[in-house]
């Protein structure tokens, strides 16, 4: 399996620490989805989407700003017909390209993505998958196989909820059998979803949850293809974000309509890509600092791991494998 080398970590640290600029452009590339997951708020509020030419200009601006990774996500990126063109342009600029998908369209479109470096597919359960996502898991697993046949390495990402606690180890073994990586992060109970949903699928049985995450830590120590650091897994076991968040300083968030936001938790608008990434970044410094100071913290995998890298946590620096 391909992994990120210390060289990639060094490039990220140079951009974030020395230049004081973000390393990742996280782009909510569209506003539509082909699923209606109860725990997701993004598909509920479809809005405007940037044109292809606007995204091209944003990518060129991002590269000039020193950004090294372009991550396309929300709501379902594979629903954009121009996705291959966007990834090709990002790749031509020297950016590492990343995509997060629910996997439903992979069977049809995996062969169209030769310029994609990192492919993440959401797989949140086995028997619980249909209840959580509303479709048959086999449809997604077939898509993963097609993507692998097209040359893609896969990261299965799992959101831990009250519905899949009993399946986490089984998901690790599924990843092993498929030859993929797997990552975990706990469900984030956002304000945009009704309390009835969280009462139904939220993590309420703490002893069972802690036991399940303890088993993940054991499996990782035994060589299982779990991409999370042990530091992170220990943190989510206690559900205590014991880290200094640097998300708003290291990841540049852009919504589907071109609005630049603080992070995926607060979604505070900072400006628009048409204003210029460098100018928005400079002018929003005080606002970003204030948001971090007032934030109670979250446990999103990408935020925690990249913040730990920023703070030179040895384990994360030595095994910086996936954004």
C-alpha atoms as a PDB file:
ATOM      1  CA  UNK A   1       0.000   0.000   0.000  1.00  0.00           C
ATOM      2  CA  UNK A   2       1.132   3.540  -0.753  1.00  0.00           C
ATOM      3  CA  UNK A   3       1.551   5.736   2.304  1.00  0.00           C
ATOM      4  CA  UNK A   4       2.502   9.335   2.812  1.00  0.00           C
ATOM      5  CA  UNK A   5       6.195   9.688   3.513  1.00  0.00           C
ATOM      6  CA  UNK A   6       7.862  11.976   6.053  1.00  0.00           C
ATOM      7  CA  UNK A   7       8.619  14.200   3.044  1.00  0.00           C
ATOM      8  CA  UNK A   8       4.904  14.931   2.648  1.00  0.00           C
ATOM      9  CA  UNK A   9       4.639  15.699   6.352  1.00  0.00           C
ATOM     10  CA  UNK A  10       7.628  18.030   6.046  1.00  0.00           C
ATOM     11  CA  UNK A  11       6.006  19.886   3.129  1.00  0.00           C
ATOM     12  CA  UNK A  12       2.807  20.254   5.119  1.00  0.00           C
ATOM     13  CA  UNK A  13       4.668  21.555   8.158  1.00  0.00           C
ATOM     14  CA  UNK A  14       6.644  24.053   6.059  1.00  0.00           C
ATOM     15  CA  UNK A  15       3.450  25.478   4.575  1.00  0.00           C
ATOM     16  CA  UNK A  16       1.524  25.521   7.873  1.00  0.00           C
ATOM     17  CA  UNK A  17       4.219  26.360  10.384  1.00  0.00           C
ATOM     18  CA  UNK A  18       6.711  28.518   8.494  1.00  0.00           C
ATOM     19  CA  UNK A  19       4.531  30.188   5.863  1.00  0.00           C
ATOM     20  CA  UNK A  20       1.482  30.270   8.163  1.00  0.00           C
ATOM     21  CA  UNK A  21      -0.795  29.143   5.367  1.00  0.00           C
ATOM     22  CA  UNK A  22      -3.186  26.192   4.888  1.00  0.00           C
ATOM     23  CA  UNK A  23      -1.948  23.004   3.248  1.00  0.00           C
ATOM     24  CA  UNK A  24      -5.311  21.475   2.312  1.00  0.00           C
ATOM     25  CA  UNK A  25      -8.090  22.957   0.210  1.00  0.00           C
ATOM     26  CA  UNK A  26     -11.267  21.169   1.320  1.00  0.00           C
ATOM     27  CA  UNK A  27     -13.888  21.866  -1.320  1.00  0.00           C
ATOM     28  CA  UNK A  28     -17.589  21.076  -0.997  1.00  0.00           C
ATOM     29  CA  UNK A  29     -17.647  20.531  -4.714  1.00  0.00           C
ATOM     30  CA  UNK A  30     -21.400  20.198  -5.186  1.00  0.00           C
ATOM     31  CA  UNK A  31     -24.719  20.701  -3.416  1.00  0.00           C
ATOM     32  CA  UNK A  32     -26.572  17.530  -4.392  1.00  0.00           C
ATOM     33  CA  UNK A  33     -26.580  13.933  -3.213  1.00  0.00           C
ATOM     34  CA  UNK A  34     -28.011  10.605  -4.338  1.00  0.00           C
ATOM     35  CA  UNK A  35     -28.593   9.516  -0.719  1.00  0.00           C
ATOM     36  CA  UNK A  36     -30.596  11.028   2.140  1.00  0.00           C
ATOM     37  CA  UNK A  37     -28.726   9.876   5.251  1.00  0.00           C
ATOM     38  CA  UNK A  38     -30.562  10.956   8.404  1.00  0.00           C
ATOM     39  CA  UNK A  39     -27.383  12.127  10.158  1.00  0.00           C
ATOM     40  CA  UNK A  40     -26.197  14.382   7.315  1.00  0.00           C
ATOM     41  CA  UNK A  41     -27.331  17.986   6.940  1.00  0.00           C
ATOM     42  CA  UNK A  42     -25.622  18.830   3.644  1.00  0.00           C
ATOM     43  CA  UNK A  43     -28.151  17.269   1.255  1.00  0.00           C
ATOM     44  CA  UNK A  44     -31.030  19.034   3.037  1.00  0.00           C
ATOM     45  CA  UNK A  45     -30.022  22.493   1.809  1.00  0.00           C
ATOM     46  CA  UNK A  46     -29.054  22.310  -1.866  1.00  0.00           C
ATOM     47  CA  UNK A  47     -27.716  25.583  -3.199  1.00  0.00           C
ATOM     48  CA  UNK A  48     -25.582  27.105  -5.912  1.00  0.00           C
ATOM     49  CA  UNK A  49     -22.472  25.431  -7.290  1.00  0.00           C
ATOM     50  CA  UNK A  50     -19.341  27.019  -8.720  1.00  0.00           C
ATOM     51  CA  UNK A  51     -18.873  26.718 -12.459  1.00  0.00           C
ATOM     52  CA  UNK A  52     -16.008  24.643 -13.817  1.00  0.00           C
ATOM     53  CA  UNK A  53     -14.110  27.757 -14.891  1.00  0.00           C
ATOM     54  CA  UNK A  54     -14.495  29.265 -11.413  1.00  0.00           C
ATOM     55  CA  UNK A  55     -13.119  26.104  -9.812  1.00  0.00           C
ATOM     56  CA  UNK A  56     -10.177  26.129 -12.225  1.00  0.00           C
ATOM     57  CA  UNK A  57      -9.313  29.691 -11.186  1.00  0.00           C
ATOM     58  CA  UNK A  58      -9.652  28.747  -7.509  1.00  0.00           C
ATOM     59  CA  UNK A  59      -7.250  25.820  -7.987  1.00  0.00           C
ATOM     60  CA  UNK A  60      -4.706  28.053  -9.719  1.00  0.00           C
ATOM     61  CA  UNK A  61      -5.013  30.558  -6.880  1.00  0.00           C
ATOM     62  CA  UNK A  62      -4.626  27.762  -4.329  1.00  0.00           C
ATOM     63  CA  UNK A  63      -1.465  26.453  -5.959  1.00  0.00           C
ATOM     64  CA  UNK A  64       0.052  29.933  -6.059  1.00  0.00           C
ATOM     65  CA  UNK A  65      -0.812  30.224  -2.360  1.00  0.00           C
ATOM     66  CA  UNK A  66       1.219  27.078  -1.608  1.00  0.00           C
ATOM     67  CA  UNK A  67      -1.616  24.626  -0.999  1.00  0.00           C
ATOM     68  CA  UNK A  68      -0.526  21.043  -1.611  1.00  0.00           C
ATOM     69  CA  UNK A  69      -3.727  18.984  -1.416  1.00  0.00           C
ATOM     70  CA  UNK A  70      -7.111  19.408  -3.096  1.00  0.00           C
ATOM     71  CA  UNK A  71      -9.877  17.439  -1.368  1.00  0.00           C
ATOM     72  CA  UNK A  72     -13.252  17.214  -3.136  1.00  0.00           C
ATOM     73  CA  UNK A  73     -16.190  16.229  -0.959  1.00  0.00           C
ATOM     74  CA  UNK A  74     -19.871  17.014  -0.120  1.00  0.00           C
ATOM     75  CA  UNK A  75     -22.436  16.326  -0.989  1.00  0.00           C
ATOM     76  CA  UNK A  76     -21.690  13.602  -3.540  1.00  0.00           C
ATOM     77  CA  UNK A  77     -18.773  14.628  -5.793  1.00  0.00           C
ATOM     78  CA  UNK A  78     -19.369  11.887  -8.355  1.00  0.00           C
ATOM     79  CA  UNK A  79     -22.645  13.583  -9.314  1.00  0.00           C
ATOM     80  CA  UNK A  80     -20.651  16.360 -11.013  1.00  0.00           C
ATOM     81  CA  UNK A  81     -20.124  15.483 -14.696  1.00  0.00           C
ATOM     82  CA  UNK A  82     -17.039  17.727 -14.820  1.00  0.00           C
ATOM     83  CA  UNK A  83     -15.285  16.046 -11.868  1.00  0.00           C
ATOM     84  CA  UNK A  84     -12.620  14.358 -14.065  1.00  0.00           C
ATOM     85  CA  UNK A  85     -11.778  17.741 -15.638  1.00  0.00           C
ATOM     86  CA  UNK A  86     -11.467  19.367 -12.210  1.00  0.00           C
ATOM     87  CA  UNK A  87      -9.194  16.616 -10.881  1.00  0.00           C
ATOM     88  CA  UNK A  88      -7.104  16.743 -14.058  1.00  0.00           C
ATOM     89  CA  UNK A  89      -6.601  20.479 -13.685  1.00  0.00           C
ATOM     90  CA  UNK A  90      -5.677  20.148 -10.006  1.00  0.00           C
ATOM     91  CA  UNK A  91      -3.202  17.384 -10.828  1.00  0.00           C
ATOM     92  CA  UNK A  92      -1.656  19.406 -13.662  1.00  0.00           C
ATOM     93  CA  UNK A  93      -0.925  22.138 -11.122  1.00  0.00           C
ATOM     94  CA  UNK A  94       0.998  19.710  -8.922  1.00  0.00           C
ATOM     95  CA  UNK A  95      -1.687  19.240  -6.276  1.00  0.00           C
ATOM     96  CA  UNK A  96      -2.311  15.909  -4.576  1.00  0.00           C
ATOM     97  CA  UNK A  97      -5.939  15.067  -5.355  1.00  0.00           C
ATOM     98  CA  UNK A  98      -8.362  13.521  -2.894  1.00  0.00           C
ATOM     99  CA  UNK A  99     -12.028  12.517  -3.108  1.00  0.00           C
ATOM    100  CA  UNK A 100     -14.597  11.450  -0.511  1.00  0.00           C
ATOM    101  CA  UNK A 101     -17.632   9.604  -1.887  1.00  0.00           C
ATOM    102  CA  UNK A 102     -20.503   7.431  -0.708  1.00  0.00           C
ATOM    103  CA  UNK A 103     -19.426   5.021  -3.449  1.00  0.00           C
ATOM    104  CA  UNK A 104     -22.762   4.523  -5.123  1.00  0.00           C
ATOM    105  CA  UNK A 105     -21.546   5.793  -8.510  1.00  0.00           C
ATOM    106  CA  UNK A 106     -18.086   4.209  -8.437  1.00  0.00           C
ATOM    107  CA  UNK A 107     -19.080   1.282 -10.653  1.00  0.00           C
ATOM    108  CA  UNK A 108     -20.003   3.735 -13.386  1.00  0.00           C
ATOM    109  CA  UNK A 109     -17.331   6.416 -12.917  1.00  0.00           C
ATOM    110  CA  UNK A 110     -14.186   4.935 -11.334  1.00  0.00           C
ATOM    111  CA  UNK A 111     -12.514   4.569 -14.730  1.00  0.00           C
ATOM    112  CA  UNK A 112     -12.948   8.332 -15.324  1.00  0.00           C
ATOM    113  CA  UNK A 113     -10.628   9.294 -12.449  1.00  0.00           C
ATOM    114  CA  UNK A 114      -7.009   8.658 -13.562  1.00  0.00           C
ATOM    115  CA  UNK A 115      -5.902  11.929 -11.942  1.00  0.00           C
ATOM    116  CA  UNK A 116      -7.173  10.980  -8.480  1.00  0.00           C
ATOM    117  CA  UNK A 117      -4.509  10.145  -5.868  1.00  0.00           C
ATOM    118  CA  UNK A 118      -6.575   9.377  -2.772  1.00  0.00           C
ATOM    119  CA  UNK A 119     -10.022   7.782  -2.816  1.00  0.00           C
ATOM    120  CA  UNK A 120     -12.094   7.576   0.379  1.00  0.00           C
ATOM    121  CA  UNK A 121     -15.382   5.655   0.451  1.00  0.00           C
ATOM    122  CA  UNK A 122     -17.864   5.902   3.320  1.00  0.00           C
ATOM    123  CA  UNK A 123     -18.630   2.445   4.738  1.00  0.00           C
ATOM    124  CA  UNK A 124     -20.301   2.789   8.125  1.00  0.00           C
ATOM    125  CA  UNK A 125     -21.515  -0.723   8.779  1.00  0.00           C
ATOM    126  CA  UNK A 126     -22.303  -4.159   7.451  1.00  0.00           C
ATOM    127  CA  UNK A 127     -25.720  -5.306   8.612  1.00  0.00           C
ATOM    128  CA  UNK A 128     -26.435  -1.771   9.836  1.00  0.00           C
ATOM    129  CA  UNK A 129     -25.371  -0.162   6.553  1.00  0.00           C
ATOM    130  CA  UNK A 130     -28.788  -0.185   4.891  1.00  0.00           C
ATOM    131  CA  UNK A 131     -30.415   1.392   7.942  1.00  0.00           C
ATOM    132  CA  UNK A 132     -27.723   4.087   8.098  1.00  0.00           C
ATOM    133  CA  UNK A 133     -27.331   4.841   4.392  1.00  0.00           C
ATOM    134  CA  UNK A 134     -30.530   3.544   2.811  1.00  0.00           C
ATOM    135  CA  UNK A 135     -28.928   1.313   0.155  1.00  0.00           C
ATOM    136  CA  UNK A 136     -27.426  -2.162  -0.091  1.00  0.00           C
ATOM    137  CA  UNK A 137     -23.766  -2.361   0.996  1.00  0.00           C
ATOM    138  CA  UNK A 138     -22.999  -4.743  -1.869  1.00  0.00           C
ATOM    139  CA  UNK A 139     -23.645  -1.905  -4.308  1.00  0.00           C
ATOM    140  CA  UNK A 140     -20.803   0.065  -2.708  1.00  0.00           C
ATOM    141  CA  UNK A 141     -18.478  -2.933  -2.336  1.00  0.00           C
ATOM    142  CA  UNK A 142     -18.879  -3.642  -6.040  1.00  0.00           C
ATOM    143  CA  UNK A 143     -17.916  -0.042  -6.711  1.00  0.00           C
ATOM    144  CA  UNK A 144     -14.823  -0.412  -4.546  1.00  0.00           C
ATOM    145  CA  UNK A 145     -13.796  -3.490  -6.540  1.00  0.00           C
ATOM    146  CA  UNK A 146     -14.266  -1.619  -9.841  1.00  0.00           C
ATOM    147  CA  UNK A 147     -12.184   1.275  -8.485  1.00  0.00           C
ATOM    148  CA  UNK A 148      -9.424  -1.099  -7.386  1.00  0.00           C
ATOM    149  CA  UNK A 149      -9.431  -2.714 -10.828  1.00  0.00           C
ATOM    150  CA  UNK A 150      -8.998   0.798 -12.252  1.00  0.00           C
ATOM    151  CA  UNK A 151      -5.861   1.201 -10.123  1.00  0.00           C
ATOM    152  CA  UNK A 152      -7.188   3.122  -7.143  1.00  0.00           C
ATOM    153  CA  UNK A 153      -6.097   2.514  -3.571  1.00  0.00           C
ATOM    154  CA  UNK A 154      -9.046   2.825  -1.190  1.00  0.00           C
ATOM    155  CA  UNK A 155      -9.631   4.192   2.270  1.00  0.00           C
ATOM    156  CA  UNK A 156     -12.930   3.072   3.782  1.00  0.00           C
ATOM    157  CA  UNK A 157     -14.038   5.671   6.316  1.00  0.00           C
ATOM    158  CA  UNK A 158     -16.468   4.733   9.064  1.00  0.00           C
ATOM    159  CA  UNK A 159     -18.467   7.080  11.260  1.00  0.00           C
ATOM    160  CA  UNK A 160     -18.964   5.345  14.591  1.00  0.00           C
ATOM    161  CA  UNK A 161     -22.556   5.503  15.802  1.00  0.00           C
ATOM    162  CA  UNK A 162     -24.813   3.683  18.198  1.00  0.00           C
ATOM    163  CA  UNK A 163     -25.954   1.491  15.309  1.00  0.00           C
ATOM    164  CA  UNK A 164     -22.587   0.003  14.323  1.00  0.00           C
ATOM    165  CA  UNK A 165     -20.630  -0.426  17.583  1.00  0.00           C
ATOM    166  CA  UNK A 166     -20.929  -4.209  17.308  1.00  0.00           C
ATOM    167  CA  UNK A 167     -19.541  -4.180  13.755  1.00  0.00           C
ATOM    168  CA  UNK A 168     -16.318  -2.172  14.050  1.00  0.00           C
ATOM    169  CA  UNK A 169     -14.008  -5.181  14.282  1.00  0.00           C
ATOM    170  CA  UNK A 170     -15.899  -6.846  11.454  1.00  0.00           C
ATOM    171  CA  UNK A 171     -15.368  -3.721   9.353  1.00  0.00           C
ATOM    172  CA  UNK A 172     -11.617  -3.923  10.012  1.00  0.00           C
ATOM    173  CA  UNK A 173     -11.619  -7.532   8.815  1.00  0.00           C
ATOM    174  CA  UNK A 174     -13.641  -6.466   5.760  1.00  0.00           C
ATOM    175  CA  UNK A 175     -10.966  -3.877   4.958  1.00  0.00           C
ATOM    176  CA  UNK A 176      -8.283  -6.551   5.339  1.00  0.00           C
ATOM    177  CA  UNK A 177     -10.132  -8.905   2.998  1.00  0.00           C
ATOM    178  CA  UNK A 178     -10.597  -6.174   0.399  1.00  0.00           C
ATOM    179  CA  UNK A 179      -7.025  -4.888   0.674  1.00  0.00           C
ATOM    180  CA  UNK A 180      -8.056  -1.374   1.714  1.00  0.00           C
ATOM    181  CA  UNK A 181      -7.240   1.026   4.527  1.00  0.00           C
ATOM    182  CA  UNK A 182      -9.914   1.966   7.053  1.00  0.00           C
ATOM    183  CA  UNK A 183     -10.429   4.996   9.296  1.00  0.00           C
ATOM    184  CA  UNK A 184     -12.819   5.713  12.137  1.00  0.00           C
ATOM    185  CA  UNK A 185     -14.270   8.810  13.733  1.00  0.00           C
ATOM    186  CA  UNK A 186     -17.181   9.214  16.168  1.00  0.00           C
ATOM    187  CA  UNK A 187     -20.499  10.634  15.046  1.00  0.00           C
ATOM    188  CA  UNK A 188     -20.627  14.416  15.403  1.00  0.00           C
ATOM    189  CA  UNK A 189     -24.055  15.525  16.577  1.00  0.00           C
ATOM    190  CA  UNK A 190     -24.452  18.733  14.607  1.00  0.00           C
ATOM    191  CA  UNK A 191     -27.072  21.343  15.445  1.00  0.00           C
ATOM    192  CA  UNK A 192     -28.674  21.103  12.020  1.00  0.00           C
ATOM    193  CA  UNK A 193     -30.211  17.681  12.726  1.00  0.00           C
ATOM    194  CA  UNK A 194     -33.161  16.986  15.022  1.00  0.00           C
ATOM    195  CA  UNK A 195     -32.656  15.428  18.440  1.00  0.00           C
ATOM    196  CA  UNK A 196     -34.797  12.431  17.491  1.00  0.00           C
ATOM    197  CA  UNK A 197     -32.128  11.356  14.994  1.00  0.00           C
ATOM    198  CA  UNK A 198     -29.345  11.593  17.563  1.00  0.00           C
ATOM    199  CA  UNK A 199     -31.430   9.716  20.126  1.00  0.00           C
ATOM    200  CA  UNK A 200     -31.863   6.955  17.562  1.00  0.00           C
ATOM    201  CA  UNK A 201     -28.303   6.581  16.264  1.00  0.00           C
ATOM    202  CA  UNK A 202     -26.125   8.564  18.673  1.00  0.00           C
ATOM    203  CA  UNK A 203     -23.481   7.020  20.929  1.00  0.00           C
ATOM    204  CA  UNK A 204     -25.345   6.496  24.187  1.00  0.00           C
ATOM    205  CA  UNK A 205     -23.891   3.248  25.569  1.00  0.00           C
ATOM    206  CA  UNK A 206     -20.509   4.560  26.738  1.00  0.00           C
ATOM    207  CA  UNK A 207     -19.102   1.287  28.178  1.00  0.00           C
ATOM    208  CA  UNK A 208     -19.896  -0.550  24.934  1.00  0.00           C
ATOM    209  CA  UNK A 209     -18.443   2.289  22.880  1.00  0.00           C
ATOM    210  CA  UNK A 210     -15.221   2.394  24.913  1.00  0.00           C
ATOM    211  CA  UNK A 211     -14.837  -1.372  24.622  1.00  0.00           C
ATOM    212  CA  UNK A 212     -15.300  -1.192  20.852  1.00  0.00           C
ATOM    213  CA  UNK A 213     -12.671   1.534  20.453  1.00  0.00           C
ATOM    214  CA  UNK A 214     -10.294  -0.316  22.795  1.00  0.00           C
ATOM    215  CA  UNK A 215     -10.547  -3.261  20.439  1.00  0.00           C
ATOM    216  CA  UNK A 216      -9.677  -0.987  17.495  1.00  0.00           C
ATOM    217  CA  UNK A 217      -6.548   0.116  19.364  1.00  0.00           C
ATOM    218  CA  UNK A 218      -5.596  -3.530  19.898  1.00  0.00           C
ATOM    219  CA  UNK A 219      -6.181  -4.345  16.243  1.00  0.00           C
ATOM    220  CA  UNK A 220      -4.049  -1.404  15.120  1.00  0.00           C
ATOM    221  CA  UNK A 221      -1.201  -2.503  17.387  1.00  0.00           C
ATOM    222  CA  UNK A 222      -1.520  -5.937  15.818  1.00  0.00           C
ATOM    223  CA  UNK A 223      -0.964  -4.531  12.323  1.00  0.00           C
ATOM    224  CA  UNK A 224      -4.531  -3.992  11.102  1.00  0.00           C
ATOM    225  CA  UNK A 225      -4.821  -1.433   8.248  1.00  0.00           C
ATOM    226  CA  UNK A 226      -6.336   1.261  10.476  1.00  0.00           C
ATOM    227  CA  UNK A 227      -5.104   4.640   9.284  1.00  0.00           C
ATOM    228  CA  UNK A 228      -5.866   6.566  12.497  1.00  0.00           C
ATOM    229  CA  UNK A 229      -3.013   7.181  14.899  1.00  0.00           C
ATOM    230  CA  UNK A 230      -3.123   5.457  18.267  1.00  0.00           C
ATOM    231  CA  UNK A 231      -3.055   8.945  19.776  1.00  0.00           C
ATOM    232  CA  UNK A 232      -6.296   9.767  17.989  1.00  0.00           C
ATOM    233  CA  UNK A 233      -7.965   6.465  18.839  1.00  0.00           C
ATOM    234  CA  UNK A 234      -7.179   6.947  22.528  1.00  0.00           C
ATOM    235  CA  UNK A 235      -8.672  10.433  22.288  1.00  0.00           C
ATOM    236  CA  UNK A 236     -11.947   9.306  20.741  1.00  0.00           C
ATOM    237  CA  UNK A 237     -12.215   6.483  23.262  1.00  0.00           C
ATOM    238  CA  UNK A 238     -12.529   9.071  26.029  1.00  0.00           C
ATOM    239  CA  UNK A 239     -14.514  11.408  23.697  1.00  0.00           C
ATOM    240  CA  UNK A 240     -12.327  14.197  24.998  1.00  0.00           C
ATOM    241  CA  UNK A 241     -10.693  16.446  22.351  1.00  0.00           C
ATOM    242  CA  UNK A 242      -7.379  16.792  24.162  1.00  0.00           C
ATOM    243  CA  UNK A 243      -5.578  18.729  21.469  1.00  0.00           C
ATOM    244  CA  UNK A 244      -5.145  22.289  20.343  1.00  0.00           C
ATOM    245  CA  UNK A 245      -7.229  22.740  17.234  1.00  0.00           C
ATOM    246  CA  UNK A 246      -5.512  24.356  14.260  1.00  0.00           C
ATOM    247  CA  UNK A 247      -8.217  23.447  11.725  1.00  0.00           C
ATOM    248  CA  UNK A 248      -9.008  27.007  10.706  1.00  0.00           C
ATOM    249  CA  UNK A 249      -5.290  27.670  10.147  1.00  0.00           C
ATOM    250  CA  UNK A 250      -4.322  24.533   8.220  1.00  0.00           C
ATOM    251  CA  UNK A 251      -7.397  23.694   6.111  1.00  0.00           C
ATOM    252  CA  UNK A 252      -9.027  26.134   3.715  1.00  0.00           C
ATOM    253  CA  UNK A 253     -12.749  25.350   3.514  1.00  0.00           C
ATOM    254  CA  UNK A 254     -14.747  26.335   0.449  1.00  0.00           C
ATOM    255  CA  UNK A 255     -18.462  25.582   0.107  1.00  0.00           C
ATOM    256  CA  UNK A 256     -20.186  24.687  -3.151  1.00  0.00           C
ATOM    257  CA  UNK A 257     -21.105  28.304  -3.915  1.00  0.00           C
ATOM    258  CA  UNK A 258     -17.558  29.618  -3.413  1.00  0.00           C
ATOM    259  CA  UNK A 259     -17.884  30.855   0.156  1.00  0.00           C
ATOM    260  CA  UNK A 260     -14.735  30.421   2.267  1.00  0.00           C
ATOM    261  CA  UNK A 261     -15.646  29.195   5.767  1.00  0.00           C
ATOM    262  CA  UNK A 262     -13.878  28.689   9.090  1.00  0.00           C
ATOM    263  CA  UNK A 263     -14.471  24.913   9.380  1.00  0.00           C
ATOM    264  CA  UNK A 264     -17.130  22.262   8.889  1.00  0.00           C
ATOM    265  CA  UNK A 265     -18.390  22.685  12.455  1.00  0.00           C
ATOM    266  CA  UNK A 266     -18.995  26.438  12.616  1.00  0.00           C
ATOM    267  CA  UNK A 267     -19.270  27.260   8.894  1.00  0.00           C
ATOM    268  CA  UNK A 268     -18.629  30.944   9.644  1.00  0.00           C
ATOM    269  CA  UNK A 269     -18.194  32.814   6.322  1.00  0.00           C
ATOM    270  CA  UNK A 270     -14.827  34.520   5.861  1.00  0.00           C
ATOM    271  CA  UNK A 271     -15.134  35.723   2.276  1.00  0.00           C
ATOM    272  CA  UNK A 272     -15.406  34.348  -1.245  1.00  0.00           C
ATOM    273  CA  UNK A 273     -12.890  32.696  -3.547  1.00  0.00           C
ATOM    274  CA  UNK A 274     -13.466  35.525  -6.036  1.00  0.00           C
ATOM    275  CA  UNK A 275     -11.957  37.883  -3.445  1.00  0.00           C
ATOM    276  CA  UNK A 276      -8.636  36.004  -3.689  1.00  0.00           C
ATOM    277  CA  UNK A 277      -7.554  33.261  -1.299  1.00  0.00           C
ATOM    278  CA  UNK A 278      -4.539  35.153   0.033  1.00  0.00           C
ATOM    279  CA  UNK A 279      -6.546  38.294   0.773  1.00  0.00           C
ATOM    280  CA  UNK A 280      -9.358  36.394   2.501  1.00  0.00           C
ATOM    281  CA  UNK A 281      -6.830  34.428   4.527  1.00  0.00           C
ATOM    282  CA  UNK A 282      -4.993  37.534   5.685  1.00  0.00           C
ATOM    283  CA  UNK A 283      -8.117  39.556   6.414  1.00  0.00           C
ATOM    284  CA  UNK A 284      -9.785  36.749   8.390  1.00  0.00           C
ATOM    285  CA  UNK A 285      -6.906  36.019  10.781  1.00  0.00           C
ATOM    286  CA  UNK A 286      -8.493  37.694  13.803  1.00  0.00           C
ATOM    287  CA  UNK A 287     -11.873  36.077  13.167  1.00  0.00           C
ATOM    288  CA  UNK A 288     -10.337  32.626  12.837  1.00  0.00           C
ATOM    289  CA  UNK A 289      -8.420  33.045  16.087  1.00  0.00           C
ATOM    290  CA  UNK A 290     -11.583  34.110  17.890  1.00  0.00           C
ATOM    291  CA  UNK A 291     -13.513  31.077  16.611  1.00  0.00           C
ATOM    292  CA  UNK A 292     -10.834  28.693  17.859  1.00  0.00           C
ATOM    293  CA  UNK A 293     -10.716  30.342  21.266  1.00  0.00           C
ATOM    294  CA  UNK A 294     -14.484  30.014  21.674  1.00  0.00           C
ATOM    295  CA  UNK A 295     -14.797  26.499  20.195  1.00  0.00           C
ATOM    296  CA  UNK A 296     -15.504  23.577  22.534  1.00  0.00           C
ATOM    297  CA  UNK A 297     -13.695  21.191  20.192  1.00  0.00           C
ATOM    298  CA  UNK A 298     -14.615  18.287  17.944  1.00  0.00           C
ATOM    299  CA  UNK A 299     -13.141  14.912  17.031  1.00  0.00           C
ATOM    300  CA  UNK A 300     -13.166  15.018  13.236  1.00  0.00           C
ATOM    301  CA  UNK A 301     -10.333  12.749  12.102  1.00  0.00           C
ATOM    302  CA  UNK A 302      -8.738  15.181   9.641  1.00  0.00           C
ATOM    303  CA  UNK A 303      -8.785  18.100  12.052  1.00  0.00           C
ATOM    304  CA  UNK A 304      -7.291  16.178  14.945  1.00  0.00           C
ATOM    305  CA  UNK A 305      -4.570  14.344  13.013  1.00  0.00           C
ATOM    306  CA  UNK A 306      -3.446  17.439  11.113  1.00  0.00           C
ATOM    307  CA  UNK A 307      -3.465  19.504  14.308  1.00  0.00           C
ATOM    308  CA  UNK A 308      -1.342  16.842  16.005  1.00  0.00           C
ATOM    309  CA  UNK A 309       1.072  16.974  13.069  1.00  0.00           C
ATOM    310  CA  UNK A 310       1.163  20.756  13.414  1.00  0.00           C
ATOM    311  CA  UNK A 311       2.142  20.333  17.067  1.00  0.00           C
ATOM    312  CA  UNK A 312       4.910  17.817  16.211  1.00  0.00           C
ATOM    313  CA  UNK A 313       3.355  14.750  17.872  1.00  0.00           C
ATOM    314  CA  UNK A 314       6.012  12.078  17.079  1.00  0.00           C
ATOM    315  CA  UNK A 315       3.656   9.222  16.204  1.00  0.00           C
ATOM    316  CA  UNK A 316       1.689  11.321  13.738  1.00  0.00           C
ATOM    317  CA  UNK A 317       4.834  12.773  12.161  1.00  0.00           C
ATOM    318  CA  UNK A 318       6.321   9.301  11.638  1.00  0.00           C
ATOM    319  CA  UNK A 319       3.184   7.783  10.122  1.00  0.00           C
ATOM    320  CA  UNK A 320       1.499  10.575   8.235  1.00  0.00           C
ATOM    321  CA  UNK A 321      -0.331   8.369   5.786  1.00  0.00           C
ATOM    322  CA  UNK A 322      -3.590   9.987   4.667  1.00  0.00           C
ATOM    323  CA  UNK A 323      -4.999  13.489   4.810  1.00  0.00           C
END
